[in-house]
């Protein structure tokens, strides 16, 4: 079994790759976080680090790489929306995961009360106000207080496993 070096010693590139590969065994859902800030057009970024934190009050979190070109926008934003993607949204997820391509101009949106857009066809939306930001290694943990949410009655989530998109097997 591999182990990660202490914080005093930076792990080697090989250790980092092994750690990432081990994490890849954990299948995650895929979401797009959207926001708008400073009079700019709305943006979206693909994430797979989404989690519930608390039911009372309703809190969720997601993590953003400090090297992300969207970090300055999310640092000044007061609200964001987490959009849980359908398996048909692989193309949206792939595009919004790339640096420099976070425009939502070609995505059908619903404007939320906070001004942050939601992806119209997402399986679920969680409209949030920023509750906290926490420095965590090479990422920032964004905690949001859920102000409003909704969910589809049916659909299949887009999944990510071992470095690639996955689909649930057919039902039945």
C-alpha atoms as a PDB file:
ATOM      1  CA  UNK A   1       0.000   0.000   0.000  1.00  0.00           C
ATOM      2  CA  UNK A   2       1.328   3.438  -0.954  1.00  0.00           C
ATOM      3  CA  UNK A   3       1.484   6.277   1.509  1.00  0.00           C
ATOM      4  CA  UNK A   4       1.620  10.028   1.019  1.00  0.00           C
ATOM      5  CA  UNK A   5       4.620  11.940   2.361  1.00  0.00           C
ATOM      6  CA  UNK A   6       4.258  14.279   5.324  1.00  0.00           C
ATOM      7  CA  UNK A   7       3.440  17.924   4.660  1.00  0.00           C
ATOM      8  CA  UNK A   8       7.084  18.819   5.230  1.00  0.00           C
ATOM      9  CA  UNK A   9       8.129  16.804   2.161  1.00  0.00           C
ATOM     10  CA  UNK A  10       6.533  17.493  -1.206  1.00  0.00           C
ATOM     11  CA  UNK A  11       5.413  14.232  -2.846  1.00  0.00           C
ATOM     12  CA  UNK A  12       7.155  13.208  -6.048  1.00  0.00           C
ATOM     13  CA  UNK A  13       5.353  13.363  -9.388  1.00  0.00           C
ATOM     14  CA  UNK A  14       5.054   9.560  -9.253  1.00  0.00           C
ATOM     15  CA  UNK A  15       3.495   9.643  -5.764  1.00  0.00           C
ATOM     16  CA  UNK A  16       1.075  12.383  -6.853  1.00  0.00           C
ATOM     17  CA  UNK A  17       0.033  10.315  -9.902  1.00  0.00           C
ATOM     18  CA  UNK A  18      -0.465   7.203  -7.750  1.00  0.00           C
ATOM     19  CA  UNK A  19      -2.570   9.207  -5.287  1.00  0.00           C
ATOM     20  CA  UNK A  20      -4.690  10.608  -8.104  1.00  0.00           C
ATOM     21  CA  UNK A  21      -5.143   7.118  -9.594  1.00  0.00           C
ATOM     22  CA  UNK A  22      -6.225   5.737  -6.218  1.00  0.00           C
ATOM     23  CA  UNK A  23      -8.770   8.557  -5.838  1.00  0.00           C
ATOM     24  CA  UNK A  24     -10.041   7.681  -9.314  1.00  0.00           C
ATOM     25  CA  UNK A  25     -11.535   4.471  -7.945  1.00  0.00           C
ATOM     26  CA  UNK A  26     -14.166   6.596  -6.201  1.00  0.00           C
ATOM     27  CA  UNK A  27     -16.942   7.224  -8.719  1.00  0.00           C
ATOM     28  CA  UNK A  28     -18.368  10.742  -8.558  1.00  0.00           C
ATOM     29  CA  UNK A  29     -21.193  12.634 -10.110  1.00  0.00           C
ATOM     30  CA  UNK A  30     -20.396  15.540 -12.410  1.00  0.00           C
ATOM     31  CA  UNK A  31     -21.730  19.043 -11.888  1.00  0.00           C
ATOM     32  CA  UNK A  32     -21.255  22.512 -13.307  1.00  0.00           C
ATOM     33  CA  UNK A  33     -21.034  25.450 -10.911  1.00  0.00           C
ATOM     34  CA  UNK A  34     -22.279  28.705 -12.376  1.00  0.00           C
ATOM     35  CA  UNK A  35     -21.922  32.270 -11.180  1.00  0.00           C
ATOM     36  CA  UNK A  36     -21.859  35.851 -12.370  1.00  0.00           C
ATOM     37  CA  UNK A  37     -19.990  38.657 -10.759  1.00  0.00           C
ATOM     38  CA  UNK A  38     -18.782  42.178 -11.406  1.00  0.00           C
ATOM     39  CA  UNK A  39     -21.078  42.796 -14.360  1.00  0.00           C
ATOM     40  CA  UNK A  40     -19.384  40.053 -16.381  1.00  0.00           C
ATOM     41  CA  UNK A  41     -21.375  37.489 -18.383  1.00  0.00           C
ATOM     42  CA  UNK A  42     -22.179  34.322 -16.394  1.00  0.00           C
ATOM     43  CA  UNK A  43     -19.609  31.526 -16.340  1.00  0.00           C
ATOM     44  CA  UNK A  44     -19.562  27.836 -15.513  1.00  0.00           C
ATOM     45  CA  UNK A  45     -16.891  25.390 -14.389  1.00  0.00           C
ATOM     46  CA  UNK A  46     -17.075  21.594 -14.287  1.00  0.00           C
ATOM     47  CA  UNK A  47     -16.549  19.940 -10.913  1.00  0.00           C
ATOM     48  CA  UNK A  48     -16.747  16.481  -9.396  1.00  0.00           C
ATOM     49  CA  UNK A  49     -16.015  17.559  -5.826  1.00  0.00           C
ATOM     50  CA  UNK A  50     -19.583  18.321  -4.726  1.00  0.00           C
ATOM     51  CA  UNK A  51     -20.935  17.210  -1.340  1.00  0.00           C
ATOM     52  CA  UNK A  52     -23.659  17.957   1.151  1.00  0.00           C
ATOM     53  CA  UNK A  53     -22.412  19.347   4.446  1.00  0.00           C
ATOM     54  CA  UNK A  54     -25.474  19.998   6.599  1.00  0.00           C
ATOM     55  CA  UNK A  55     -29.249  19.678   6.463  1.00  0.00           C
ATOM     56  CA  UNK A  56     -29.869  22.339   9.113  1.00  0.00           C
ATOM     57  CA  UNK A  57     -28.850  24.805   7.910  1.00  0.00           C
ATOM     58  CA  UNK A  58     -28.728  23.437   4.348  1.00  0.00           C
ATOM     59  CA  UNK A  59     -25.071  23.655   3.295  1.00  0.00           C
ATOM     60  CA  UNK A  60     -23.132  22.170   0.364  1.00  0.00           C
ATOM     61  CA  UNK A  61     -19.487  22.359  -0.648  1.00  0.00           C
ATOM     62  CA  UNK A  62     -17.345  22.042  -3.709  1.00  0.00           C
ATOM     63  CA  UNK A  63     -13.643  22.536  -4.362  1.00  0.00           C
ATOM     64  CA  UNK A  64     -11.855  24.726  -6.909  1.00  0.00           C
ATOM     65  CA  UNK A  65      -8.211  24.359  -7.922  1.00  0.00           C
ATOM     66  CA  UNK A  66      -6.203  27.462  -7.033  1.00  0.00           C
ATOM     67  CA  UNK A  67      -4.774  27.387 -10.572  1.00  0.00           C
ATOM     68  CA  UNK A  68      -8.254  27.670 -12.107  1.00  0.00           C
ATOM     69  CA  UNK A  69      -8.715  30.669 -14.358  1.00  0.00           C
ATOM     70  CA  UNK A  70     -12.160  31.079 -12.738  1.00  0.00           C
ATOM     71  CA  UNK A  71     -10.818  31.490  -9.184  1.00  0.00           C
ATOM     72  CA  UNK A  72     -10.791  35.335  -9.199  1.00  0.00           C
ATOM     73  CA  UNK A  73     -14.443  35.381 -10.276  1.00  0.00           C
ATOM     74  CA  UNK A  74     -15.523  32.863  -7.618  1.00  0.00           C
ATOM     75  CA  UNK A  75     -13.498  34.741  -4.975  1.00  0.00           C
ATOM     76  CA  UNK A  76     -15.508  37.913  -5.575  1.00  0.00           C
ATOM     77  CA  UNK A  77     -18.874  36.206  -6.186  1.00  0.00           C
ATOM     78  CA  UNK A  78     -21.518  36.264  -3.465  1.00  0.00           C
ATOM     79  CA  UNK A  79     -23.631  33.435  -4.954  1.00  0.00           C
ATOM     80  CA  UNK A  80     -23.233  30.313  -7.068  1.00  0.00           C
ATOM     81  CA  UNK A  81     -25.437  27.531  -8.406  1.00  0.00           C
ATOM     82  CA  UNK A  82     -24.474  23.855  -8.471  1.00  0.00           C
ATOM     83  CA  UNK A  83     -26.039  22.063 -11.454  1.00  0.00           C
ATOM     84  CA  UNK A  84     -26.006  18.233 -11.372  1.00  0.00           C
ATOM     85  CA  UNK A  85     -25.481  17.051 -14.951  1.00  0.00           C
ATOM     86  CA  UNK A  86     -27.407  14.470 -16.952  1.00  0.00           C
ATOM     87  CA  UNK A  87     -25.463  11.830 -18.871  1.00  0.00           C
ATOM     88  CA  UNK A  88     -26.374  13.691 -22.099  1.00  0.00           C
ATOM     89  CA  UNK A  89     -24.327  16.681 -20.896  1.00  0.00           C
ATOM     90  CA  UNK A  90     -20.875  15.177 -21.420  1.00  0.00           C
ATOM     91  CA  UNK A  91     -20.094  17.791 -24.118  1.00  0.00           C
ATOM     92  CA  UNK A  92     -21.020  20.661 -21.744  1.00  0.00           C
ATOM     93  CA  UNK A  93     -18.927  19.139 -18.964  1.00  0.00           C
ATOM     94  CA  UNK A  94     -15.900  18.636 -21.230  1.00  0.00           C
ATOM     95  CA  UNK A  95     -15.997  22.178 -22.596  1.00  0.00           C
ATOM     96  CA  UNK A  96     -16.441  23.888 -19.215  1.00  0.00           C
ATOM     97  CA  UNK A  97     -13.585  21.823 -17.760  1.00  0.00           C
ATOM     98  CA  UNK A  98     -11.078  23.488 -20.121  1.00  0.00           C
ATOM     99  CA  UNK A  99      -9.180  26.623 -19.181  1.00  0.00           C
ATOM    100  CA  UNK A 100     -10.419  29.736 -20.917  1.00  0.00           C
ATOM    101  CA  UNK A 101     -13.727  28.278 -22.124  1.00  0.00           C
ATOM    102  CA  UNK A 102     -16.281  28.977 -19.389  1.00  0.00           C
ATOM    103  CA  UNK A 103     -18.895  30.915 -21.356  1.00  0.00           C
ATOM    104  CA  UNK A 104     -22.493  29.785 -20.998  1.00  0.00           C
ATOM    105  CA  UNK A 105     -23.561  31.549 -24.219  1.00  0.00           C
ATOM    106  CA  UNK A 106     -24.522  28.282 -25.960  1.00  0.00           C
ATOM    107  CA  UNK A 107     -26.185  26.649 -22.924  1.00  0.00           C
ATOM    108  CA  UNK A 108     -29.903  27.012 -22.187  1.00  0.00           C
ATOM    109  CA  UNK A 109     -30.185  28.811 -18.843  1.00  0.00           C
ATOM    110  CA  UNK A 110     -32.725  29.740 -16.201  1.00  0.00           C
ATOM    111  CA  UNK A 111     -31.998  32.938 -14.276  1.00  0.00           C
ATOM    112  CA  UNK A 112     -32.238  32.497 -10.527  1.00  0.00           C
ATOM    113  CA  UNK A 113     -33.380  35.096  -8.007  1.00  0.00           C
ATOM    114  CA  UNK A 114     -29.753  35.696  -7.006  1.00  0.00           C
ATOM    115  CA  UNK A 115     -28.843  36.452 -10.620  1.00  0.00           C
ATOM    116  CA  UNK A 116     -26.771  33.276 -10.934  1.00  0.00           C
ATOM    117  CA  UNK A 117     -27.928  31.149 -13.827  1.00  0.00           C
ATOM    118  CA  UNK A 118     -28.970  27.494 -13.662  1.00  0.00           C
ATOM    119  CA  UNK A 119     -28.569  25.027 -16.516  1.00  0.00           C
ATOM    120  CA  UNK A 120     -32.123  24.408 -17.705  1.00  0.00           C
ATOM    121  CA  UNK A 121     -31.731  20.666 -18.346  1.00  0.00           C
ATOM    122  CA  UNK A 122     -29.719  19.768 -15.211  1.00  0.00           C
ATOM    123  CA  UNK A 123     -31.029  16.988 -12.948  1.00  0.00           C
ATOM    124  CA  UNK A 124     -30.839  19.240  -9.887  1.00  0.00           C
ATOM    125  CA  UNK A 125     -29.992  22.864  -9.062  1.00  0.00           C
ATOM    126  CA  UNK A 126     -28.739  24.206  -5.741  1.00  0.00           C
ATOM    127  CA  UNK A 127     -28.782  28.001  -5.654  1.00  0.00           C
ATOM    128  CA  UNK A 128     -26.408  29.131  -2.910  1.00  0.00           C
ATOM    129  CA  UNK A 129     -25.060  32.138  -1.098  1.00  0.00           C
ATOM    130  CA  UNK A 130     -21.373  31.895  -0.185  1.00  0.00           C
ATOM    131  CA  UNK A 131     -21.179  30.862   3.466  1.00  0.00           C
ATOM    132  CA  UNK A 132     -17.404  30.305   3.704  1.00  0.00           C
ATOM    133  CA  UNK A 133     -14.237  29.801   1.711  1.00  0.00           C
ATOM    134  CA  UNK A 134     -11.476  27.630   3.157  1.00  0.00           C
ATOM    135  CA  UNK A 135      -7.890  27.351   2.005  1.00  0.00           C
ATOM    136  CA  UNK A 136      -7.082  23.643   1.575  1.00  0.00           C
ATOM    137  CA  UNK A 137      -3.762  22.722  -0.022  1.00  0.00           C
ATOM    138  CA  UNK A 138      -3.930  23.371  -3.762  1.00  0.00           C
ATOM    139  CA  UNK A 139      -7.704  23.992  -3.665  1.00  0.00           C
ATOM    140  CA  UNK A 140     -10.237  26.370  -2.130  1.00  0.00           C
ATOM    141  CA  UNK A 141     -13.279  24.779  -0.492  1.00  0.00           C
ATOM    142  CA  UNK A 142     -16.396  26.790  -1.295  1.00  0.00           C
ATOM    143  CA  UNK A 143     -19.237  26.326   1.190  1.00  0.00           C
ATOM    144  CA  UNK A 144     -22.661  27.536   0.135  1.00  0.00           C
ATOM    145  CA  UNK A 145     -25.874  28.026   2.080  1.00  0.00           C
ATOM    146  CA  UNK A 146     -28.638  26.610  -0.108  1.00  0.00           C
ATOM    147  CA  UNK A 147     -31.291  29.278  -0.696  1.00  0.00           C
ATOM    148  CA  UNK A 148     -33.346  27.378  -3.235  1.00  0.00           C
ATOM    149  CA  UNK A 149     -33.156  24.015  -4.963  1.00  0.00           C
ATOM    150  CA  UNK A 150     -35.093  21.880  -7.383  1.00  0.00           C
ATOM    151  CA  UNK A 151     -34.736  18.450  -8.957  1.00  0.00           C
ATOM    152  CA  UNK A 152     -36.031  16.602 -11.995  1.00  0.00           C
ATOM    153  CA  UNK A 153     -38.488  13.749 -11.635  1.00  0.00           C
ATOM    154  CA  UNK A 154     -36.381  11.475 -13.827  1.00  0.00           C
ATOM    155  CA  UNK A 155     -33.071  11.260 -15.623  1.00  0.00           C
ATOM    156  CA  UNK A 156     -29.665   9.654 -15.379  1.00  0.00           C
ATOM    157  CA  UNK A 157     -26.588  11.356 -13.892  1.00  0.00           C
ATOM    158  CA  UNK A 158     -23.275  11.838 -15.655  1.00  0.00           C
ATOM    159  CA  UNK A 159     -20.593   9.958 -13.719  1.00  0.00           C
ATOM    160  CA  UNK A 160     -16.791  10.174 -13.599  1.00  0.00           C
ATOM    161  CA  UNK A 161     -14.592   7.177 -12.792  1.00  0.00           C
ATOM    162  CA  UNK A 162     -10.892   6.453 -13.317  1.00  0.00           C
ATOM    163  CA  UNK A 163     -10.279   9.444 -15.554  1.00  0.00           C
ATOM    164  CA  UNK A 164     -13.310   9.174 -17.817  1.00  0.00           C
ATOM    165  CA  UNK A 165     -17.050   9.649 -18.096  1.00  0.00           C
ATOM    166  CA  UNK A 166     -19.247   6.679 -17.238  1.00  0.00           C
ATOM    167  CA  UNK A 167     -22.926   5.866 -17.567  1.00  0.00           C
ATOM    168  CA  UNK A 168     -25.162   3.806 -15.320  1.00  0.00           C
ATOM    169  CA  UNK A 169     -26.161   0.459 -16.827  1.00  0.00           C
ATOM    170  CA  UNK A 170     -29.660   0.272 -18.287  1.00  0.00           C
ATOM    171  CA  UNK A 171     -32.418  -0.404 -15.763  1.00  0.00           C
ATOM    172  CA  UNK A 172     -34.271  -3.708 -16.045  1.00  0.00           C
END
